[in-house]
N, C-alpha and C. Protein backbone atom coordinates (compact mmCIF):
# COMPACT_ATOMS: atom_id res chain seq x y z
N MET A 1 105.28 81.48 90.03
CA MET A 1 104.01 81.73 90.22
C MET A 1 104.60 82.55 91.46
N THR A 2 103.91 83.40 91.33
CA THR A 2 103.86 84.69 92.23
C THR A 2 103.34 84.51 93.83
N ILE A 3 103.36 84.62 94.71
CA ILE A 3 102.98 84.28 96.21
C ILE A 3 101.69 84.80 96.40
N LYS A 4 101.09 85.76 95.58
CA LYS A 4 100.44 86.55 95.89
C LYS A 4 98.92 85.33 94.64
N SER A 5 99.52 84.88 93.94
CA SER A 5 98.71 83.74 92.82
C SER A 5 98.76 82.79 93.28
N THR A 6 99.67 81.88 94.24
CA THR A 6 99.62 80.70 95.28
C THR A 6 98.68 81.12 96.11
N LEU A 7 98.52 81.74 97.33
CA LEU A 7 97.75 82.04 98.03
C LEU A 7 96.28 82.05 97.73
N LYS A 8 96.13 83.10 96.57
CA LYS A 8 95.02 82.76 95.63
C LYS A 8 94.41 81.56 95.51
N ASN A 9 95.24 80.46 95.10
CA ASN A 9 94.76 79.03 94.46
C ASN A 9 94.85 78.54 96.19
N MET A 10 95.58 78.62 97.07
CA MET A 10 94.93 77.94 97.66
C MET A 10 93.96 78.71 98.44
N ALA A 11 93.47 79.16 98.53
CA ALA A 11 92.53 79.74 99.01
C ALA A 11 90.51 79.22 97.96
N GLU A 12 91.00 79.17 96.62
CA GLU A 12 89.71 79.25 96.29
C GLU A 12 89.91 77.13 96.28
N GLY A 13 91.18 76.26 96.66
CA GLY A 13 90.85 75.06 96.36
C GLY A 13 90.70 74.89 97.50
N LEU A 14 90.05 75.98 99.22
CA LEU A 14 89.57 75.51 99.97
C LEU A 14 87.93 76.14 100.23
N GLY A 15 87.89 76.64 98.66
CA GLY A 15 86.39 77.13 98.38
C GLY A 15 86.13 78.02 99.84
N LEU A 16 87.32 79.33 99.35
CA LEU A 16 87.59 80.67 100.04
C LEU A 16 87.43 81.77 99.25
N HIS A 17 86.76 83.18 99.22
CA HIS A 17 87.24 83.76 98.52
C HIS A 17 87.53 84.96 99.34
N VAL A 18 89.27 85.24 99.07
CA VAL A 18 89.63 86.56 99.96
C VAL A 18 89.92 87.85 98.74
N THR A 19 89.51 88.60 100.25
CA THR A 19 89.57 90.07 99.42
C THR A 19 90.45 91.35 100.45
N ARG A 20 91.27 91.99 99.87
CA ARG A 20 92.12 92.81 100.75
C ARG A 20 91.29 93.10 101.94
N GLN A 21 91.96 93.81 102.75
CA GLN A 21 91.29 94.14 104.31
C GLN A 21 90.79 96.06 103.55
N SER A 22 91.72 96.20 102.63
CA SER A 22 91.63 98.02 102.26
C SER A 22 89.94 97.90 101.87
N GLN A 23 89.76 96.77 101.18
CA GLN A 23 88.53 96.22 100.37
C GLN A 23 87.08 96.03 101.42
N ASN A 24 87.44 95.31 102.49
CA ASN A 24 86.72 94.17 103.15
C ASN A 24 85.92 95.96 103.77
N PRO A 25 84.14 95.51 103.56
CA PRO A 25 83.16 97.10 103.76
C PRO A 25 83.47 97.05 105.54
N MET A 26 83.32 95.53 105.88
CA MET A 26 83.49 95.63 107.74
C MET A 26 84.71 96.36 107.89
N GLN A 27 85.90 96.52 107.30
CA GLN A 27 87.41 97.20 107.97
C GLN A 27 87.03 98.94 106.91
N THR A 28 86.73 99.21 106.12
CA THR A 28 86.60 100.25 105.36
C THR A 28 84.94 101.35 105.79
N LEU A 29 84.34 100.66 106.45
CA LEU A 29 82.84 101.24 106.39
C LEU A 29 82.73 102.12 105.66
N LEU A 30 82.98 101.67 104.76
CA LEU A 30 82.65 102.15 103.45
C LEU A 30 82.72 103.93 103.27
N GLY A 31 83.69 104.16 104.10
CA GLY A 31 84.07 105.34 104.23
C GLY A 31 83.47 105.97 105.50
N LEU A 32 82.64 105.56 106.26
CA LEU A 32 82.22 105.96 107.68
C LEU A 32 83.49 106.77 108.64
N ARG A 33 84.99 105.86 108.48
CA ARG A 33 85.72 106.10 109.32
C ARG A 33 86.00 107.54 108.84
N ALA A 34 86.94 108.09 108.50
CA ALA A 34 86.73 109.09 107.94
C ALA A 34 86.13 109.95 108.21
N ILE A 35 83.85 110.21 108.59
CA ILE A 35 83.68 111.02 109.32
C ILE A 35 83.82 110.94 110.85
N PRO A 36 84.41 112.17 111.42
CA PRO A 36 84.16 112.59 112.88
C PRO A 36 82.97 112.38 113.95
N PHE A 37 82.34 111.05 113.86
CA PHE A 37 80.92 110.97 114.38
C PHE A 37 81.51 112.03 115.90
N ARG A 38 80.99 111.88 116.45
CA ARG A 38 80.00 112.47 118.10
C ARG A 38 79.32 111.77 118.73
N SER A 39 78.14 111.68 118.30
CA SER A 39 76.62 111.31 118.53
C SER A 39 76.41 109.45 117.41
N ILE A 40 76.00 108.75 118.71
CA ILE A 40 75.61 107.44 117.64
C ILE A 40 74.92 107.14 118.50
N PHE A 41 73.62 107.14 117.64
CA PHE A 41 72.08 106.59 118.35
C PHE A 41 72.70 105.13 117.67
N ASP A 42 72.48 103.44 118.78
CA ASP A 42 72.23 102.32 118.46
C ASP A 42 71.00 101.21 119.12
N VAL A 43 69.76 101.94 118.12
CA VAL A 43 68.75 101.51 118.15
C VAL A 43 68.69 99.82 118.12
N GLY A 44 68.24 98.87 119.25
CA GLY A 44 68.40 97.94 119.04
C GLY A 44 69.74 97.35 119.42
N ALA A 45 70.34 97.68 120.48
CA ALA A 45 72.12 97.44 120.87
C ALA A 45 71.97 96.48 121.89
N ASN A 46 71.41 95.08 122.01
CA ASN A 46 71.68 94.01 122.24
C ASN A 46 72.56 94.62 123.78
N GLU A 47 73.49 93.55 123.89
CA GLU A 47 74.68 93.81 125.09
C GLU A 47 75.81 94.38 125.13
N GLY A 48 75.09 95.15 123.60
CA GLY A 48 76.75 96.52 123.34
C GLY A 48 77.76 95.96 122.48
N GLN A 49 77.13 95.18 121.29
CA GLN A 49 78.93 94.81 120.72
C GLN A 49 78.69 95.37 119.79
N PHE A 50 77.72 96.45 118.91
CA PHE A 50 78.19 97.23 118.12
C PHE A 50 78.70 98.82 118.59
N ALA A 51 78.06 98.56 119.81
CA ALA A 51 78.95 99.95 120.44
C ALA A 51 80.27 99.79 120.92
N ARG A 52 80.23 98.57 121.30
CA ARG A 52 82.25 98.28 121.82
C ARG A 52 82.42 98.44 120.39
N PHE A 53 82.52 97.85 119.25
CA PHE A 53 82.80 98.38 117.93
C PHE A 53 83.31 100.05 117.45
N ALA A 54 81.79 100.44 118.07
CA ALA A 54 81.84 101.93 117.68
C ALA A 54 83.15 102.62 117.97
N ARG A 55 82.82 102.31 119.69
CA ARG A 55 84.01 103.39 120.49
C ARG A 55 85.27 102.81 120.21
N GLY A 56 85.22 101.99 119.67
CA GLY A 56 86.67 101.44 119.13
C GLY A 56 87.29 102.30 118.09
N VAL A 57 86.61 102.77 117.10
CA VAL A 57 86.78 103.05 115.04
C VAL A 57 86.21 104.59 115.99
N PHE A 58 84.53 105.07 116.99
CA PHE A 58 85.33 106.81 117.59
C PHE A 58 84.83 106.81 118.49
N PRO A 59 86.59 107.10 119.03
CA PRO A 59 86.66 107.21 120.88
C PRO A 59 86.40 108.31 121.51
N GLN A 60 85.89 109.44 120.94
CA GLN A 60 85.21 111.11 121.45
C GLN A 60 83.90 111.14 121.39
N ALA A 61 82.98 110.20 120.91
CA ALA A 61 81.40 110.08 120.36
C ALA A 61 80.82 109.95 121.53
N THR A 62 79.81 110.21 122.32
CA THR A 62 79.13 109.73 123.10
C THR A 62 77.76 108.68 122.48
N LEU A 63 77.91 107.43 123.26
CA LEU A 63 76.71 106.99 122.34
C LEU A 63 75.20 107.23 122.58
N TYR A 64 74.25 106.42 122.80
CA TYR A 64 72.72 106.46 122.90
C TYR A 64 72.19 105.19 122.82
N CYS A 65 72.58 104.16 123.73
CA CYS A 65 72.15 102.83 123.60
C CYS A 65 70.79 102.36 123.75
N PHE A 66 69.95 101.70 122.83
CA PHE A 66 68.81 101.30 123.63
C PHE A 66 68.39 99.77 123.45
N GLU A 67 68.35 99.46 124.94
CA GLU A 67 67.92 97.97 124.59
C GLU A 67 66.50 97.48 125.65
N PRO A 68 65.69 97.37 124.51
CA PRO A 68 64.34 97.00 125.74
C PRO A 68 64.22 95.78 126.57
N THR A 69 65.29 94.51 126.24
CA THR A 69 65.56 93.32 126.95
C THR A 69 65.80 93.40 128.44
N PRO A 70 65.02 93.23 129.16
CA PRO A 70 66.17 92.66 130.47
C PRO A 70 67.50 92.07 130.70
N GLN A 71 67.49 91.07 130.33
CA GLN A 71 68.78 90.54 130.98
C GLN A 71 70.12 91.15 129.99
N ALA A 72 69.94 91.76 128.57
CA ALA A 72 70.55 91.97 127.79
C ALA A 72 71.21 93.78 128.17
N TYR A 73 70.13 94.17 128.31
CA TYR A 73 70.23 94.92 128.84
C TYR A 73 71.19 95.29 129.88
N GLU A 74 71.06 94.42 130.86
CA GLU A 74 71.64 94.56 131.90
C GLU A 74 73.27 94.48 131.89
N LYS A 75 74.01 93.73 130.95
CA LYS A 75 75.23 93.30 130.28
C LYS A 75 75.15 94.92 129.93
N LEU A 76 74.35 95.50 129.18
CA LEU A 76 74.56 96.63 128.08
C LEU A 76 74.94 97.92 129.35
N ALA A 77 74.38 97.62 130.31
CA ALA A 77 74.19 99.01 131.33
C ALA A 77 74.94 99.20 132.32
N ASN A 78 76.32 97.60 132.59
CA ASN A 78 77.29 97.30 132.73
C ASN A 78 78.00 97.97 132.48
N TRP A 79 78.42 97.64 131.55
CA TRP A 79 79.66 98.03 130.44
C TRP A 79 79.02 99.36 130.28
N ALA A 80 77.97 100.11 129.90
CA ALA A 80 77.93 101.79 129.77
C ALA A 80 78.71 102.63 130.60
N GLU A 81 78.45 102.22 132.50
CA GLU A 81 78.71 103.02 133.27
C GLU A 81 80.16 102.80 133.62
N ALA A 82 80.86 101.66 133.35
CA ALA A 82 82.52 101.68 132.86
C ALA A 82 82.50 102.13 131.77
N ASP A 83 82.38 102.21 130.66
CA ASP A 83 82.85 103.56 129.53
C ASP A 83 82.69 104.67 130.47
N GLY A 84 82.13 105.38 130.44
CA GLY A 84 81.40 106.21 131.07
C GLY A 84 81.23 107.64 130.77
N ASN A 85 80.21 107.52 128.75
CA ASN A 85 80.70 108.45 128.07
C ASN A 85 79.56 106.90 126.68
N VAL A 86 78.66 106.57 127.76
CA VAL A 86 77.41 105.89 126.83
C VAL A 86 76.45 106.46 127.88
N VAL A 87 74.84 106.48 127.08
CA VAL A 87 73.44 106.08 127.96
C VAL A 87 73.02 105.36 127.12
N ALA A 88 72.51 104.53 127.97
CA ALA A 88 71.62 103.62 128.19
C ALA A 88 70.30 103.86 128.58
N ALA A 89 69.66 102.95 127.66
CA ALA A 89 68.03 103.49 127.65
C ALA A 89 67.33 102.06 127.76
N ASN A 90 66.95 101.53 128.65
CA ASN A 90 65.65 100.30 129.03
C ASN A 90 65.01 100.73 128.15
N LEU A 91 64.95 100.95 127.08
CA LEU A 91 63.67 101.41 126.12
C LEU A 91 63.38 100.13 124.40
N ALA A 92 61.88 100.12 123.67
CA ALA A 92 61.83 99.96 122.20
C ALA A 92 61.63 100.92 122.12
N LEU A 93 61.92 101.30 120.78
CA LEU A 93 61.69 102.84 120.21
C LEU A 93 60.93 101.89 118.84
N GLY A 94 60.05 102.97 118.32
CA GLY A 94 59.15 102.94 117.52
C GLY A 94 58.26 104.04 117.07
N ASP A 95 56.66 104.41 116.46
CA ASP A 95 56.46 105.52 116.31
C ASP A 95 55.61 105.74 116.79
N SER A 96 55.28 105.50 118.38
CA SER A 96 53.85 105.36 118.82
C SER A 96 54.70 105.23 120.56
N PRO A 97 54.72 105.80 121.23
CA PRO A 97 54.69 105.74 122.84
C PRO A 97 53.60 105.13 124.29
N GLY A 98 54.14 104.40 124.36
CA GLY A 98 54.15 103.86 125.68
C GLY A 98 54.18 102.12 125.91
N LYS A 99 52.72 100.82 125.89
CA LYS A 99 54.39 99.62 126.32
C LYS A 99 53.35 99.05 125.26
N CYS A 100 54.50 98.02 125.27
CA CYS A 100 54.07 96.71 124.15
C CYS A 100 55.11 95.67 124.89
N GLU A 101 54.41 94.97 124.05
CA GLU A 101 55.26 93.00 123.96
C GLU A 101 56.38 93.30 123.19
N ILE A 102 57.49 92.47 123.69
CA ILE A 102 58.43 91.86 122.67
C ILE A 102 58.68 90.89 122.85
N ASN A 103 58.89 89.61 121.98
CA ASN A 103 59.16 88.26 121.46
C ASN A 103 60.43 88.25 122.02
N LEU A 104 60.75 87.77 123.01
CA LEU A 104 61.94 87.29 123.69
C LEU A 104 62.71 86.22 123.52
N HIS A 105 63.82 86.21 122.37
CA HIS A 105 64.20 84.53 122.05
C HIS A 105 65.14 84.55 122.99
N SER A 106 65.07 83.22 123.61
CA SER A 106 65.25 82.64 124.50
C SER A 106 67.10 82.38 124.41
N ASP A 107 67.33 81.66 123.77
CA ASP A 107 68.18 81.27 122.78
C ASP A 107 69.74 82.12 122.14
N HIS A 108 68.61 82.88 122.15
CA HIS A 108 69.21 84.21 121.10
C HIS A 108 68.78 85.41 121.15
N THR A 109 69.14 86.25 122.23
CA THR A 109 68.36 87.38 122.10
C THR A 109 68.33 88.61 121.47
N PRO A 110 69.56 87.83 120.18
CA PRO A 110 69.52 89.54 119.41
C PRO A 110 68.66 89.56 117.98
N SER A 111 67.96 88.04 118.44
CA SER A 111 66.96 88.14 116.95
C SER A 111 65.25 88.49 117.89
N SER A 112 65.40 88.83 119.11
CA SER A 112 64.34 88.70 119.61
C SER A 112 63.71 90.49 119.25
N SER A 113 62.32 90.54 119.16
CA SER A 113 61.33 91.06 118.13
C SER A 113 60.19 91.84 118.44
N LEU A 114 59.95 92.53 118.44
CA LEU A 114 58.50 92.92 119.24
C LEU A 114 57.22 92.64 117.97
N LEU A 115 58.11 91.94 116.68
CA LEU A 115 57.09 91.23 115.67
C LEU A 115 57.42 89.41 115.76
N GLU A 116 56.38 88.87 115.32
CA GLU A 116 56.07 87.70 115.69
C GLU A 116 57.12 86.74 114.20
N THR A 117 57.89 86.11 114.90
CA THR A 117 58.51 84.97 113.94
C THR A 117 57.93 84.37 112.71
N THR A 118 58.38 83.93 111.93
CA THR A 118 57.72 83.54 110.40
C THR A 118 58.20 81.47 110.87
N GLY A 119 57.63 80.78 110.29
CA GLY A 119 58.10 79.29 110.12
C GLY A 119 59.68 79.41 109.03
N MET A 120 59.41 80.59 108.58
CA MET A 120 61.06 80.70 107.55
C MET A 120 61.98 81.06 108.49
N SER A 121 62.05 81.84 109.51
CA SER A 121 62.44 82.23 110.45
C SER A 121 63.08 81.12 111.45
N HIS A 122 61.80 80.11 111.80
CA HIS A 122 62.77 79.10 112.89
C HIS A 122 62.99 77.79 111.61
N ALA A 123 63.02 78.22 110.79
CA ALA A 123 64.04 76.78 109.22
C ALA A 123 64.99 77.17 109.59
N ILE A 124 65.54 78.62 108.91
CA ILE A 124 66.58 78.97 108.76
C ILE A 124 67.76 79.26 110.10
N TYR A 125 67.15 79.74 110.94
CA TYR A 125 67.61 80.30 112.71
C TYR A 125 66.67 79.23 113.17
N PRO A 126 66.99 77.97 113.27
CA PRO A 126 66.16 77.38 115.01
C PRO A 126 66.43 78.24 116.09
N VAL A 127 67.10 78.34 116.09
CA VAL A 127 67.36 78.90 118.08
C VAL A 127 66.43 80.46 117.93
N THR A 128 65.57 81.03 116.47
CA THR A 128 64.41 82.34 117.26
C THR A 128 63.29 81.03 117.80
N ALA A 129 63.62 80.45 117.89
CA ALA A 129 62.22 79.06 117.76
C ALA A 129 61.32 79.10 119.25
N HIS A 130 62.31 79.59 120.11
CA HIS A 130 61.94 79.23 121.85
C HIS A 130 62.16 80.81 121.98
N GLN A 131 60.48 80.99 122.94
CA GLN A 131 60.39 82.36 123.00
C GLN A 131 59.39 82.64 124.06
N ARG A 132 59.02 83.44 124.29
CA ARG A 132 58.09 84.44 125.62
C ARG A 132 58.57 85.66 125.47
N LYS A 133 56.83 86.28 125.65
CA LYS A 133 56.79 87.69 125.59
C LYS A 133 57.20 87.92 127.28
N VAL A 134 57.74 89.74 126.71
CA VAL A 134 57.75 90.08 128.17
C VAL A 134 57.19 91.66 127.62
N ASP A 135 56.80 92.51 128.93
CA ASP A 135 56.34 93.35 128.47
C ASP A 135 57.69 94.64 128.67
N VAL A 136 57.37 95.96 127.90
CA VAL A 136 58.31 96.55 127.80
C VAL A 136 58.01 97.83 127.27
N ARG A 137 59.34 99.14 127.52
CA ARG A 137 58.20 100.82 127.27
C ARG A 137 58.83 100.66 125.91
N ILE A 138 57.79 101.77 125.19
CA ILE A 138 58.83 102.20 124.06
C ILE A 138 58.00 103.62 123.71
N GLU A 139 59.00 104.00 123.37
CA GLU A 139 59.31 105.85 122.65
C GLU A 139 60.17 105.90 121.76
N ARG A 140 58.89 107.21 120.83
CA ARG A 140 60.03 108.02 119.57
C ARG A 140 61.12 108.02 120.10
N LEU A 141 61.62 107.82 119.20
CA LEU A 141 63.20 108.38 119.22
C LEU A 141 63.42 109.95 119.52
N ASP A 142 62.61 111.11 118.96
CA ASP A 142 62.52 112.42 118.93
C ASP A 142 62.33 112.89 119.87
N ASP A 143 61.16 112.14 120.78
CA ASP A 143 60.72 112.93 121.66
C ASP A 143 61.98 112.26 123.00
N PHE A 144 62.49 110.97 122.70
CA PHE A 144 63.74 111.32 123.77
C PHE A 144 64.75 111.33 123.17
N VAL A 145 65.03 112.36 122.31
CA VAL A 145 66.45 113.56 122.06
C VAL A 145 65.97 114.53 122.68
N ALA A 146 65.06 114.71 122.31
CA ALA A 146 63.94 116.55 122.58
C ALA A 146 64.11 116.38 124.38
N GLY A 147 63.65 115.05 125.35
CA GLY A 147 63.95 115.20 126.54
C GLY A 147 65.66 115.20 126.74
N LEU A 148 66.37 115.18 126.24
CA LEU A 148 67.77 114.45 127.03
C LEU A 148 67.93 116.34 127.40
N PRO A 149 68.76 116.55 128.89
CA PRO A 149 69.36 117.83 129.05
C PRO A 149 70.42 119.00 128.01
N GLN A 150 70.94 118.36 127.16
CA GLN A 150 71.91 118.68 126.06
C GLN A 150 71.86 118.12 125.26
N SER A 151 71.53 118.57 124.06
CA SER A 151 71.17 118.12 122.27
C SER A 151 73.10 117.69 122.14
N PRO A 152 72.69 116.14 121.55
CA PRO A 152 73.95 115.61 121.02
C PRO A 152 74.48 116.47 119.65
N ALA A 153 76.17 116.30 119.82
CA ALA A 153 76.70 116.61 119.04
C ALA A 153 76.55 116.11 117.15
N ALA A 154 76.51 117.32 116.72
CA ALA A 154 76.96 116.54 115.35
C ALA A 154 78.21 115.98 115.71
N GLU A 155 79.06 114.89 114.51
CA GLU A 155 78.04 114.99 113.50
C GLU A 155 77.29 113.35 113.84
N MET A 156 76.12 112.95 113.24
CA MET A 156 75.23 112.07 114.09
C MET A 156 75.55 110.83 113.21
N LEU A 157 75.10 109.67 114.06
CA LEU A 157 75.35 108.34 113.34
C LEU A 157 73.98 107.78 113.59
N LEU A 158 73.18 107.31 112.82
CA LEU A 158 72.17 106.15 113.84
C LEU A 158 72.29 104.67 112.74
N LYS A 159 71.73 103.84 114.28
CA LYS A 159 72.42 102.85 113.46
C LYS A 159 71.43 102.25 113.94
N LEU A 160 70.21 100.70 113.35
CA LEU A 160 69.16 99.97 113.33
C LEU A 160 69.33 99.02 113.80
N ASP A 161 69.22 97.95 114.85
CA ASP A 161 69.17 96.62 114.45
C ASP A 161 67.77 96.26 115.48
N VAL A 162 66.84 96.29 114.46
CA VAL A 162 65.09 96.32 115.36
C VAL A 162 64.29 95.06 114.71
N GLN A 163 64.72 93.95 114.15
CA GLN A 163 64.75 92.70 113.21
C GLN A 163 63.46 93.13 112.75
N GLY A 164 63.17 93.51 111.99
CA GLY A 164 61.67 94.13 110.51
C GLY A 164 61.40 95.16 111.22
N PHE A 165 61.58 95.50 112.91
CA PHE A 165 60.73 96.92 112.97
C PHE A 165 61.25 98.39 112.71
N GLU A 166 62.44 98.19 111.22
CA GLU A 166 62.84 99.80 110.62
C GLU A 166 61.94 100.38 110.57
N ALA A 167 61.15 100.54 110.11
CA ALA A 167 60.19 101.51 109.38
C ALA A 167 59.37 101.97 111.09
N PRO A 168 58.39 101.39 110.94
CA PRO A 168 58.10 103.08 112.43
C PRO A 168 59.35 102.89 113.52
N VAL A 169 60.37 102.51 113.60
CA VAL A 169 61.48 103.49 114.61
C VAL A 169 61.78 105.26 113.72
N LEU A 170 61.90 104.53 112.15
CA LEU A 170 61.86 105.82 111.45
C LEU A 170 60.99 106.53 111.56
N ARG A 171 60.08 106.22 111.52
CA ARG A 171 58.85 107.19 111.19
C ARG A 171 58.77 108.09 113.07
N GLY A 172 59.19 107.49 113.97
CA GLY A 172 59.07 107.64 114.62
C GLY A 172 60.42 108.88 115.34
N ALA A 173 61.25 109.49 114.06
CA ALA A 173 62.87 109.92 114.44
C ALA A 173 62.92 110.75 113.29
N THR A 174 62.05 111.24 112.90
CA THR A 174 62.36 112.22 111.78
C THR A 174 63.23 113.44 111.65
N ARG A 175 63.01 113.54 112.67
CA ARG A 175 63.83 115.09 113.22
C ARG A 175 64.62 114.48 113.40
N VAL A 176 65.42 113.15 113.94
CA VAL A 176 66.93 112.75 113.86
C VAL A 176 67.77 112.52 112.77
N LEU A 177 66.20 111.74 112.10
CA LEU A 177 66.80 111.38 110.65
C LEU A 177 67.22 112.76 109.63
N SER A 178 66.31 113.56 109.75
CA SER A 178 66.46 114.71 108.83
C SER A 178 67.86 115.69 109.44
N GLN A 179 68.83 115.10 110.82
CA GLN A 179 70.02 115.70 110.74
C GLN A 179 71.45 114.99 111.51
N VAL A 180 70.86 113.33 110.84
CA VAL A 180 72.30 112.69 110.76
C VAL A 180 72.71 112.34 109.93
N ARG A 181 74.25 112.78 110.30
CA ARG A 181 74.78 111.91 108.76
C ARG A 181 74.80 111.10 107.87
N ALA A 182 74.66 109.79 108.83
CA ALA A 182 75.38 108.52 107.93
C ALA A 182 73.30 107.54 109.23
N CYS A 183 73.18 106.43 108.20
CA CYS A 183 71.81 105.76 108.98
C CYS A 183 72.87 103.90 108.53
N ILE A 184 73.01 103.34 109.44
CA ILE A 184 73.22 101.56 109.18
C ILE A 184 71.79 100.90 109.38
N ALA A 185 71.02 100.39 108.47
CA ALA A 185 69.85 99.66 109.17
C ALA A 185 70.04 98.12 108.77
N GLU A 186 69.15 97.56 109.57
CA GLU A 186 69.20 96.14 109.29
C GLU A 186 68.84 95.90 108.58
N VAL A 187 68.16 95.42 107.11
CA VAL A 187 66.69 95.16 107.24
C VAL A 187 67.04 92.96 106.65
N CYS A 188 65.43 92.80 107.12
CA CYS A 188 65.83 91.51 106.38
C CYS A 188 64.87 91.65 105.20
N LEU A 189 64.87 90.50 104.06
CA LEU A 189 65.08 90.82 102.75
C LEU A 189 63.75 88.98 103.00
N ASP A 190 64.51 87.89 103.25
CA ASP A 190 63.35 86.65 103.51
C ASP A 190 62.57 87.19 104.73
N ASP A 191 61.22 87.00 104.23
CA ASP A 191 60.04 86.93 105.24
C ASP A 191 60.68 86.35 106.42
N LEU A 192 61.00 87.15 107.76
CA LEU A 192 61.96 86.57 108.86
C LEU A 192 60.90 86.75 109.77
N TYR A 193 59.97 88.58 109.66
CA TYR A 193 59.19 88.66 110.98
C TYR A 193 57.47 89.06 110.12
N GLN A 194 57.10 88.88 110.61
CA GLN A 194 55.31 88.94 110.37
C GLN A 194 54.82 90.24 110.14
N GLY A 195 54.76 91.20 109.40
CA GLY A 195 55.07 92.92 109.14
C GLY A 195 55.95 93.27 108.93
N GLN A 196 57.19 92.44 108.90
CA GLN A 196 58.40 93.10 108.54
C GLN A 196 58.59 94.33 107.70
N SER A 197 59.78 95.38 108.18
CA SER A 197 59.34 96.54 106.96
C SER A 197 59.92 95.67 105.72
N SER A 198 60.05 96.95 104.52
CA SER A 198 61.08 96.14 103.94
C SER A 198 61.98 97.22 103.00
N PHE A 199 62.90 96.64 102.21
CA PHE A 199 63.59 97.44 101.92
C PHE A 199 63.40 99.00 101.17
N LYS A 200 62.26 98.41 100.89
CA LYS A 200 61.60 99.68 99.72
C LYS A 200 62.08 100.59 100.82
N GLU A 201 60.82 100.51 101.99
CA GLU A 201 59.88 101.43 102.94
C GLU A 201 61.48 101.36 103.68
N VAL A 202 62.41 100.97 103.72
CA VAL A 202 63.56 101.63 104.73
C VAL A 202 64.41 102.81 104.30
N SER A 203 64.30 101.89 102.76
CA SER A 203 64.97 103.28 101.08
C SER A 203 64.27 104.70 101.25
N ASP A 204 63.18 104.23 101.35
CA ASP A 204 62.03 105.53 101.00
C ASP A 204 61.94 106.76 101.74
N LEU A 205 62.24 105.95 103.26
CA LEU A 205 62.15 107.06 104.32
C LEU A 205 63.35 107.64 104.59
N ALA A 206 64.13 106.76 104.49
CA ALA A 206 65.83 107.26 104.10
C ALA A 206 66.48 109.24 103.66
N HIS A 207 65.65 108.29 101.83
CA HIS A 207 65.68 109.12 100.85
C HIS A 207 64.90 110.71 101.44
N ALA A 208 64.14 110.27 101.80
CA ALA A 208 62.92 111.99 101.98
C ALA A 208 63.57 112.53 103.39
N ALA A 209 64.40 111.94 103.70
CA ALA A 209 65.66 112.97 104.83
C ALA A 209 66.91 113.12 104.64
N GLY A 210 67.14 113.13 103.24
CA GLY A 210 68.24 113.14 102.34
C GLY A 210 69.44 112.47 102.33
N LEU A 211 68.78 111.47 102.56
CA LEU A 211 70.33 110.03 102.22
C LEU A 211 70.01 109.01 101.65
N ARG A 212 71.27 109.21 100.98
CA ARG A 212 71.36 107.97 99.88
C ARG A 212 71.43 106.96 99.93
N TYR A 213 71.13 105.59 99.18
CA TYR A 213 71.58 104.32 99.76
C TYR A 213 73.04 103.68 98.93
N ALA A 214 74.15 103.65 99.69
CA ALA A 214 75.41 103.78 99.51
C ALA A 214 76.22 101.91 99.31
N GLY A 215 75.47 101.66 100.10
CA GLY A 215 75.87 99.76 99.88
C GLY A 215 75.62 99.07 101.19
N ASN A 216 76.31 97.82 101.20
CA ASN A 216 75.75 97.03 102.31
C ASN A 216 77.38 97.15 102.74
N LEU A 217 77.43 97.11 104.37
CA LEU A 217 78.14 96.63 105.54
C LEU A 217 78.85 95.35 105.40
N ASN A 218 77.20 94.98 105.48
CA ASN A 218 77.97 93.09 106.01
C ASN A 218 76.14 92.79 104.85
N GLN A 219 75.99 91.03 105.07
CA GLN A 219 74.98 90.46 104.15
C GLN A 219 74.67 88.61 104.61
N ALA A 220 73.86 88.59 104.96
CA ALA A 220 73.90 86.91 105.35
C ALA A 220 73.60 86.05 104.17
N TYR A 221 73.95 85.24 104.00
CA TYR A 221 74.17 84.44 103.06
C TYR A 221 73.18 82.69 103.02
N GLY A 222 72.19 82.72 102.13
CA GLY A 222 71.62 80.95 102.58
C GLY A 222 72.12 80.18 101.52
N THR A 223 72.33 79.03 102.34
CA THR A 223 72.86 77.69 101.31
C THR A 223 72.73 77.79 99.54
N ASP A 224 71.60 78.84 99.35
CA ASP A 224 71.58 78.46 97.70
C ASP A 224 72.27 79.71 97.26
N GLY A 225 73.08 80.85 98.11
CA GLY A 225 73.80 82.21 97.91
C GLY A 225 72.89 83.22 97.83
N HIS A 226 71.30 83.13 98.36
CA HIS A 226 70.68 84.30 97.96
C HIS A 226 70.67 85.03 99.02
N VAL A 227 70.66 86.52 99.36
CA VAL A 227 70.93 87.03 100.28
C VAL A 227 69.19 87.05 101.88
N ILE A 228 69.70 86.68 102.99
CA ILE A 228 68.74 86.67 103.42
C ILE A 228 68.45 87.70 104.44
N TYR A 229 69.46 88.57 104.94
CA TYR A 229 68.91 90.17 105.17
C TYR A 229 71.08 90.69 105.02
N LEU A 230 70.24 91.74 105.22
CA LEU A 230 72.01 92.98 104.75
C LEU A 230 71.61 94.10 105.66
N ASP A 231 72.87 94.87 106.14
CA ASP A 231 73.12 95.64 106.70
C ASP A 231 73.42 97.07 105.55
N ALA A 232 72.75 97.73 105.75
CA ALA A 232 72.33 98.58 104.58
C ALA A 232 73.12 100.24 105.10
N LEU A 233 73.31 100.70 104.18
CA LEU A 233 74.41 101.88 104.71
C LEU A 233 73.40 103.08 103.80
N PHE A 234 72.70 104.13 104.72
CA PHE A 234 72.50 105.40 104.11
C PHE A 234 73.10 106.60 104.35
N ILE A 235 73.92 107.76 103.56
CA ILE A 235 75.07 108.46 103.79
C ILE A 235 74.13 109.68 103.09
N ARG A 236 74.34 110.90 103.63
CA ARG A 236 74.27 112.27 103.27
C ARG A 236 75.09 112.94 102.73
């Protein structure tokens, strides 16, 4: 028996599925590593988790990070200042500018949303149950970019992690979306938020901008094996 087959049998015995790192989507980024991104828009940045990862992969890129919740934004802004090549904005993004309320999840700020959570969300993720409303500003991404002193450099990457609010963000970013090389969007398949965007809505908006669906970087599974949400990649 070879070492490879022995390790495979051991993994299967532990209930694990082992995949080579060279085939792991979060390692390969489905080909994104080969693109020299110079501008990255991180919408729903929270404390900068994705931004920090992106900085390691694309060290020359300027990051534009958007986070509406106050506590998470404070941590994001501190990191952005230390990095020196990050523009942090205390904003929500959508298709209409103004003021709105966000549902701030006290026990898990990354799941906070402009949309109300559902009973299914609380059942699957109990950390979403404790929440309060916070006033935030909301802008269109196209307007924000138009107001920058200097246009973002190509190549551009757009990442959305906005808890069901993907379609409004994309409708407010038609100009940016037509220019980006790729877009990563977290999309819920289970009904976790009231009025959440569907995969079809997000896909249709991406395809209308000339981007094609290229697979999932990651996805979360329920106990029965179905997919709860996924990180979809659309690429030009």
